[in-house]
Amino acid sequence: MEDKRIKKTKKNLKSTLIAMLNQMSFEQITITELCRQSDTSRITFYKHYNDKYALADEIFQDYLKAGMEIYERRQQQNNHRNDIVTGYCNMLDSIFEVYYGNYDFFRHTNPEENPHLAFSFYKLVLDTVEMHTDRIRRNLNLRYTPKQIAGFLCYGILGFINESHKEKVPRDEILRGAREILVRVLRSENVIR
């Protein structure tokens, strides 16, 4: 268990990084400026992180942990029979809840604005969906590999979300549309034999 002072320092660095993303791209952020704005010494920063990428990775890991907790709770609440479609919808809902619950950070994961953050976010979602699909594969005969299915679903859903934001589609419509597409793809028998 981490010391309270360490937790406080890390929380401060994370919130400062997120605030700085409102002013500049991730690539423009320097450790010197991050430390200045967070009132943290560079020595202290480097005790906890190798670089700003490690700090960003820890932010993503924090959100992954929160998302997995939400997903497990949803599975217990509404998927007692382990229905594949419900499981994927619970995953989508969990991603949306974390994404929009922390939109002050995730709005900066646009590929045109911050390619590194966009790639890190995509990779995290892809790996999570792939793990979920791999667990499903143990009980079902899938037409494609977990990596192929996860890639198709993630590129499609994240593309749908990004394009919807550009078109200023309301959040609830984005979720409804993404869910509808996901359910139709999964029920089409193109994924499961």
C-alpha atoms as a PDB file:
ATOM      1  CA  MET A   1       0.000   0.000   0.000  1.00  0.00           C
ATOM      2  CA  GLU A   2       1.337   3.388  -0.996  1.00  0.00           C
ATOM      3  CA  ASP A   3       2.076   6.055   1.572  1.00  0.00           C
ATOM      4  CA  LYS A   4      -0.515   8.872   1.742  1.00  0.00           C
ATOM      5  CA  ARG A   5       2.114  11.439   0.728  1.00  0.00           C
ATOM      6  CA  ILE A   6       3.012   9.425  -2.365  1.00  0.00           C
ATOM      7  CA  LYS A   7      -0.662   9.099  -3.304  1.00  0.00           C
ATOM      8  CA  LYS A   8      -1.141  12.843  -2.830  1.00  0.00           C
ATOM      9  CA  THR A   9       1.929  13.658  -4.955  1.00  0.00           C
ATOM     10  CA  LYS A  10       0.858  11.306  -7.744  1.00  0.00           C
ATOM     11  CA  LYS A  11      -2.702  12.643  -7.677  1.00  0.00           C
ATOM     12  CA  ASN A  12      -1.349  16.190  -7.928  1.00  0.00           C
ATOM     13  CA  LEU A  13       0.907  15.304 -10.880  1.00  0.00           C
ATOM     14  CA  LYS A  14      -1.954  13.542 -12.677  1.00  0.00           C
ATOM     15  CA  SER A  15      -4.420  16.391 -12.180  1.00  0.00           C
ATOM     16  CA  THR A  16      -1.787  18.924 -13.266  1.00  0.00           C
ATOM     17  CA  LEU A  17      -1.044  16.953 -16.435  1.00  0.00           C
ATOM     18  CA  ILE A  18      -4.755  16.790 -17.242  1.00  0.00           C
ATOM     19  CA  ALA A  19      -5.132  20.544 -16.632  1.00  0.00           C
ATOM     20  CA  MET A  20      -2.121  21.264 -18.853  1.00  0.00           C
ATOM     21  CA  LEU A  21      -3.762  19.337 -21.711  1.00  0.00           C
ATOM     22  CA  ASN A  22      -6.297  22.181 -21.866  1.00  0.00           C
ATOM     23  CA  GLN A  23      -3.452  24.562 -22.710  1.00  0.00           C
ATOM     24  CA  MET A  24      -1.166  22.480 -24.938  1.00  0.00           C
ATOM     25  CA  SER A  25      -0.754  19.107 -26.601  1.00  0.00           C
ATOM     26  CA  PHE A  26       0.769  16.194 -24.726  1.00  0.00           C
ATOM     27  CA  GLU A  27       3.906  16.412 -26.876  1.00  0.00           C
ATOM     28  CA  GLN A  28       4.427  20.056 -25.846  1.00  0.00           C
ATOM     29  CA  ILE A  29       4.271  19.298 -22.124  1.00  0.00           C
ATOM     30  CA  THR A  30       7.685  19.185 -20.481  1.00  0.00           C
ATOM     31  CA  ILE A  31       8.613  17.675 -17.137  1.00  0.00           C
ATOM     32  CA  THR A  32      10.023  21.053 -16.086  1.00  0.00           C
ATOM     33  CA  GLU A  33       6.718  22.828 -16.739  1.00  0.00           C
ATOM     34  CA  LEU A  34       4.673  19.982 -15.246  1.00  0.00           C
ATOM     35  CA  CYS A  35       6.753  20.170 -12.063  1.00  0.00           C
ATOM     36  CA  ARG A  36       6.529  23.960 -11.953  1.00  0.00           C
ATOM     37  CA  GLN A  37       2.737  23.965 -12.314  1.00  0.00           C
ATOM     38  CA  SER A  38       2.276  21.122  -9.820  1.00  0.00           C
ATOM     39  CA  ASP A  39       4.722  22.669  -7.347  1.00  0.00           C
ATOM     40  CA  THR A  40       6.662  19.393  -7.319  1.00  0.00           C
ATOM     41  CA  SER A  41      10.419  19.025  -7.608  1.00  0.00           C
ATOM     42  CA  ARG A  42      11.882  17.183 -10.579  1.00  0.00           C
ATOM     43  CA  ILE A  43      13.605  14.835  -8.132  1.00  0.00           C
ATOM     44  CA  THR A  44      10.229  13.921  -6.649  1.00  0.00           C
ATOM     45  CA  PHE A  45       8.738  13.456 -10.116  1.00  0.00           C
ATOM     46  CA  TYR A  46      11.523  11.083 -11.132  1.00  0.00           C
ATOM     47  CA  LYS A  47      11.146   9.083  -7.905  1.00  0.00           C
ATOM     48  CA  HIS A  48       7.728   8.039  -9.196  1.00  0.00           C
ATOM     49  CA  TYR A  49       7.931   8.179 -13.003  1.00  0.00           C
ATOM     50  CA  ASN A  50      10.595   7.730 -15.665  1.00  0.00           C
ATOM     51  CA  ASP A  51       8.942  10.305 -17.924  1.00  0.00           C
ATOM     52  CA  LYS A  52       5.619  11.910 -18.814  1.00  0.00           C
ATOM     53  CA  TYR A  53       4.659   8.787 -20.778  1.00  0.00           C
ATOM     54  CA  ALA A  54       4.868   6.682 -17.612  1.00  0.00           C
ATOM     55  CA  LEU A  55       2.652   9.234 -15.856  1.00  0.00           C
ATOM     56  CA  ALA A  56       0.100   9.071 -18.680  1.00  0.00           C
ATOM     57  CA  ASP A  57       0.246   5.261 -18.618  1.00  0.00           C
ATOM     58  CA  GLU A  58      -0.555   5.270 -14.911  1.00  0.00           C
ATOM     59  CA  ILE A  59      -3.541   7.538 -15.552  1.00  0.00           C
ATOM     60  CA  PHE A  60      -4.790   5.041 -18.134  1.00  0.00           C
ATOM     61  CA  GLN A  61      -4.207   2.148 -15.705  1.00  0.00           C
ATOM     62  CA  ASP A  62      -6.230   3.964 -13.032  1.00  0.00           C
ATOM     63  CA  TYR A  63      -9.102   4.316 -15.480  1.00  0.00           C
ATOM     64  CA  LEU A  64      -8.754   0.689 -16.595  1.00  0.00           C
ATOM     65  CA  LYS A  65      -9.088  -0.449 -12.991  1.00  0.00           C
ATOM     66  CA  ALA A  66     -12.186   1.720 -12.532  1.00  0.00           C
ATOM     67  CA  GLY A  67     -13.660   0.405 -15.794  1.00  0.00           C
ATOM     68  CA  MET A  68     -13.080  -3.221 -14.829  1.00  0.00           C
ATOM     69  CA  GLU A  69     -14.820  -2.646 -11.493  1.00  0.00           C
ATOM     70  CA  ILE A  70     -17.799  -1.100 -13.287  1.00  0.00           C
ATOM     71  CA  TYR A  71     -17.859  -3.977 -15.791  1.00  0.00           C
ATOM     72  CA  GLU A  72     -17.778  -6.651 -13.052  1.00  0.00           C
ATOM     73  CA  ARG A  73     -20.592  -4.876 -11.204  1.00  0.00           C
ATOM     74  CA  ARG A  74     -22.699  -4.696 -14.382  1.00  0.00           C
ATOM     75  CA  GLN A  75     -22.063  -8.367 -15.136  1.00  0.00           C
ATOM     76  CA  GLN A  76     -23.254  -9.332 -11.644  1.00  0.00           C
ATOM     77  CA  GLN A  77     -26.322  -7.104 -11.937  1.00  0.00           C
ATOM     78  CA  ASN A  78     -27.625  -7.988 -15.388  1.00  0.00           C
ATOM     79  CA  ASN A  79     -25.774 -10.918 -16.955  1.00  0.00           C
ATOM     80  CA  HIS A  80     -26.297 -13.946 -14.737  1.00  0.00           C
ATOM     81  CA  ARG A  81     -26.478 -16.253 -17.778  1.00  0.00           C
ATOM     82  CA  ASN A  82     -23.216 -14.902 -19.272  1.00  0.00           C
ATOM     83  CA  ASP A  83     -24.884 -13.887 -22.522  1.00  0.00           C
ATOM     84  CA  ILE A  84     -22.183 -12.858 -25.016  1.00  0.00           C
ATOM     85  CA  VAL A  85     -24.056  -9.811 -26.334  1.00  0.00           C
ATOM     86  CA  THR A  86     -24.931  -8.563 -22.856  1.00  0.00           C
ATOM     87  CA  GLY A  87     -21.299  -9.023 -21.822  1.00  0.00           C
ATOM     88  CA  TYR A  88     -20.043  -6.896 -24.708  1.00  0.00           C
ATOM     89  CA  CYS A  89     -22.747  -4.285 -24.053  1.00  0.00           C
ATOM     90  CA  ASN A  90     -21.684  -4.175 -20.398  1.00  0.00           C
ATOM     91  CA  MET A  91     -18.116  -3.635 -21.566  1.00  0.00           C
ATOM     92  CA  LEU A  92     -19.222  -0.836 -23.912  1.00  0.00           C
ATOM     93  CA  ASP A  93     -21.290   0.775 -21.146  1.00  0.00           C
ATOM     94  CA  SER A  94     -18.316   0.545 -18.763  1.00  0.00           C
ATOM     95  CA  ILE A  95     -16.014   2.176 -21.309  1.00  0.00           C
ATOM     96  CA  PHE A  96     -18.549   4.960 -21.878  1.00  0.00           C
ATOM     97  CA  GLU A  97     -19.020   5.507 -18.144  1.00  0.00           C
ATOM     98  CA  VAL A  98     -15.279   5.851 -17.547  1.00  0.00           C
ATOM     99  CA  TYR A  99     -14.767   7.866 -20.752  1.00  0.00           C
ATOM    100  CA  TYR A 100     -17.481  10.427 -20.048  1.00  0.00           C
ATOM    101  CA  GLY A 101     -16.986  10.374 -16.281  1.00  0.00           C
ATOM    102  CA  ASN A 102     -13.410  11.507 -16.939  1.00  0.00           C
ATOM    103  CA  TYR A 103     -13.990  13.486 -20.097  1.00  0.00           C
ATOM    104  CA  ASP A 104     -11.660  16.247 -18.896  1.00  0.00           C
ATOM    105  CA  PHE A 105      -8.876  13.754 -19.702  1.00  0.00           C
ATOM    106  CA  PHE A 106     -10.360  11.577 -22.453  1.00  0.00           C
ATOM    107  CA  ARG A 107     -11.359  14.483 -24.668  1.00  0.00           C
ATOM    108  CA  HIS A 108      -7.623  14.876 -25.250  1.00  0.00           C
ATOM    109  CA  THR A 109      -7.287  11.359 -26.700  1.00  0.00           C
ATOM    110  CA  ASN A 110      -8.246  12.556 -30.168  1.00  0.00           C
ATOM    111  CA  PRO A 111      -5.709  11.191 -32.703  1.00  0.00           C
ATOM    112  CA  GLU A 112      -5.295  14.561 -34.442  1.00  0.00           C
ATOM    113  CA  GLU A 113      -4.641  16.422 -31.198  1.00  0.00           C
ATOM    114  CA  ASN A 114      -2.563  13.929 -29.195  1.00  0.00           C
ATOM    115  CA  PRO A 115      -1.496  10.858 -31.187  1.00  0.00           C
ATOM    116  CA  HIS A 116       0.345   9.263 -28.253  1.00  0.00           C
ATOM    117  CA  LEU A 117      -2.655   9.513 -25.925  1.00  0.00           C
ATOM    118  CA  ALA A 118      -4.991   8.329 -28.684  1.00  0.00           C
ATOM    119  CA  PHE A 119      -2.813   5.294 -29.383  1.00  0.00           C
ATOM    120  CA  SER A 120      -2.464   4.504 -25.662  1.00  0.00           C
ATOM    121  CA  PHE A 121      -6.229   4.734 -25.185  1.00  0.00           C
ATOM    122  CA  TYR A 122      -6.928   2.598 -28.237  1.00  0.00           C
ATOM    123  CA  LYS A 123      -4.366  -0.023 -27.159  1.00  0.00           C
ATOM    124  CA  LEU A 124      -5.829  -0.188 -23.661  1.00  0.00           C
ATOM    125  CA  VAL A 125      -9.369  -0.667 -24.976  1.00  0.00           C
ATOM    126  CA  LEU A 126      -8.166  -3.158 -27.608  1.00  0.00           C
ATOM    127  CA  ASP A 127      -6.261  -5.259 -25.057  1.00  0.00           C
ATOM    128  CA  THR A 128      -9.226  -5.228 -22.668  1.00  0.00           C
ATOM    129  CA  VAL A 129     -11.727  -6.274 -25.349  1.00  0.00           C
ATOM    130  CA  GLU A 130      -9.297  -8.916 -26.603  1.00  0.00           C
ATOM    131  CA  MET A 131      -8.988 -10.386 -23.078  1.00  0.00           C
ATOM    132  CA  HIS A 132     -12.776 -10.445 -22.790  1.00  0.00           C
ATOM    133  CA  THR A 133     -13.067 -12.137 -26.196  1.00  0.00           C
ATOM    134  CA  ASP A 134     -10.392 -14.672 -25.283  1.00  0.00           C
ATOM    135  CA  ARG A 135     -12.398 -15.680 -22.187  1.00  0.00           C
ATOM    136  CA  ILE A 136     -15.490 -16.099 -24.359  1.00  0.00           C
ATOM    137  CA  ARG A 137     -13.555 -18.267 -26.805  1.00  0.00           C
ATOM    138  CA  ARG A 138     -13.144 -20.922 -24.123  1.00  0.00           C
ATOM    139  CA  ASN A 139     -16.903 -21.611 -24.217  1.00  0.00           C
ATOM    140  CA  LEU A 140     -17.855 -20.698 -27.796  1.00  0.00           C
ATOM    141  CA  ASN A 141     -16.605 -21.439 -31.273  1.00  0.00           C
ATOM    142  CA  LEU A 142     -15.580 -18.067 -32.723  1.00  0.00           C
ATOM    143  CA  ARG A 143     -15.079 -17.509 -36.451  1.00  0.00           C
ATOM    144  CA  TYR A 144     -12.141 -15.170 -35.912  1.00  0.00           C
ATOM    145  CA  THR A 145      -9.331 -14.753 -33.416  1.00  0.00           C
ATOM    146  CA  PRO A 146      -9.912 -12.621 -30.315  1.00  0.00           C
ATOM    147  CA  LYS A 147      -7.415 -10.061 -31.691  1.00  0.00           C
ATOM    148  CA  GLN A 148      -9.336  -9.798 -34.995  1.00  0.00           C
ATOM    149  CA  ILE A 149     -12.694  -9.427 -33.258  1.00  0.00           C
ATOM    150  CA  ALA A 150     -11.345  -6.900 -30.759  1.00  0.00           C
ATOM    151  CA  GLY A 151      -9.659  -4.914 -33.547  1.00  0.00           C
ATOM    152  CA  PHE A 152     -12.835  -4.809 -35.610  1.00  0.00           C
ATOM    153  CA  LEU A 153     -15.030  -3.801 -32.689  1.00  0.00           C
ATOM    154  CA  CYS A 154     -12.596  -1.252 -31.239  1.00  0.00           C
ATOM    155  CA  TYR A 155     -11.681   0.496 -34.482  1.00  0.00           C
ATOM    156  CA  GLY A 156     -15.344   0.620 -35.401  1.00  0.00           C
ATOM    157  CA  ILE A 157     -16.643   1.835 -32.069  1.00  0.00           C
ATOM    158  CA  LEU A 158     -13.873   4.370 -31.434  1.00  0.00           C
ATOM    159  CA  GLY A 159     -14.229   5.642 -35.003  1.00  0.00           C
ATOM    160  CA  PHE A 160     -17.981   5.928 -34.487  1.00  0.00           C
ATOM    161  CA  ILE A 161     -17.433   7.876 -31.249  1.00  0.00           C
ATOM    162  CA  ASN A 162     -14.817  10.223 -32.757  1.00  0.00           C
ATOM    163  CA  GLU A 163     -16.911  10.964 -35.841  1.00  0.00           C
ATOM    164  CA  SER A 164     -20.022  11.478 -33.704  1.00  0.00           C
ATOM    165  CA  HIS A 165     -18.155  14.033 -31.586  1.00  0.00           C
ATOM    166  CA  LYS A 166     -17.071  15.886 -34.729  1.00  0.00           C
ATOM    167  CA  GLU A 167     -20.720  15.991 -35.821  1.00  0.00           C
ATOM    168  CA  LYS A 168     -21.736  17.201 -32.325  1.00  0.00           C
ATOM    169  CA  VAL A 169     -24.031  14.214 -31.718  1.00  0.00           C
ATOM    170  CA  PRO A 170     -25.324  14.153 -28.101  1.00  0.00           C
ATOM    171  CA  ARG A 171     -23.681  11.593 -25.805  1.00  0.00           C
ATOM    172  CA  ASP A 172     -26.816   9.545 -25.194  1.00  0.00           C
ATOM    173  CA  GLU A 173     -27.322   9.203 -28.961  1.00  0.00           C
ATOM    174  CA  ILE A 174     -23.693   8.142 -29.396  1.00  0.00           C
ATOM    175  CA  LEU A 175     -24.096   5.411 -26.779  1.00  0.00           C
ATOM    176  CA  ARG A 176     -27.427   4.289 -28.211  1.00  0.00           C
ATOM    177  CA  GLY A 177     -25.997   4.141 -31.740  1.00  0.00           C
ATOM    178  CA  ALA A 178     -22.804   2.349 -30.694  1.00  0.00           C
ATOM    179  CA  ARG A 179     -24.824  -0.206 -28.706  1.00  0.00           C
ATOM    180  CA  GLU A 180     -27.187  -0.797 -31.610  1.00  0.00           C
ATOM    181  CA  ILE A 181     -24.317  -1.402 -34.040  1.00  0.00           C
ATOM    182  CA  LEU A 182     -22.540  -3.667 -31.540  1.00  0.00           C
ATOM    183  CA  VAL A 183     -25.658  -5.762 -30.877  1.00  0.00           C
ATOM    184  CA  ARG A 184     -26.401  -6.137 -34.598  1.00  0.00           C
ATOM    185  CA  VAL A 185     -22.848  -7.245 -35.379  1.00  0.00           C
ATOM    186  CA  LEU A 186     -22.775  -9.743 -32.514  1.00  0.00           C
ATOM    187  CA  ARG A 187     -26.230 -11.169 -33.267  1.00  0.00           C
ATOM    188  CA  SER A 188     -25.508 -11.473 -37.002  1.00  0.00           C
ATOM    189  CA  GLU A 189     -23.769 -14.853 -36.548  1.00  0.00           C
ATOM    190  CA  ASN A 190     -20.692 -13.433 -38.248  1.00  0.00           C
ATOM    191  CA  VAL A 191     -18.689 -13.594 -35.026  1.00  0.00           C
ATOM    192  CA  ILE A 192     -19.884 -16.870 -33.470  1.00  0.00           C
ATOM    193  CA  ARG A 193     -20.231 -20.074 -35.477  1.00  0.00           C
END
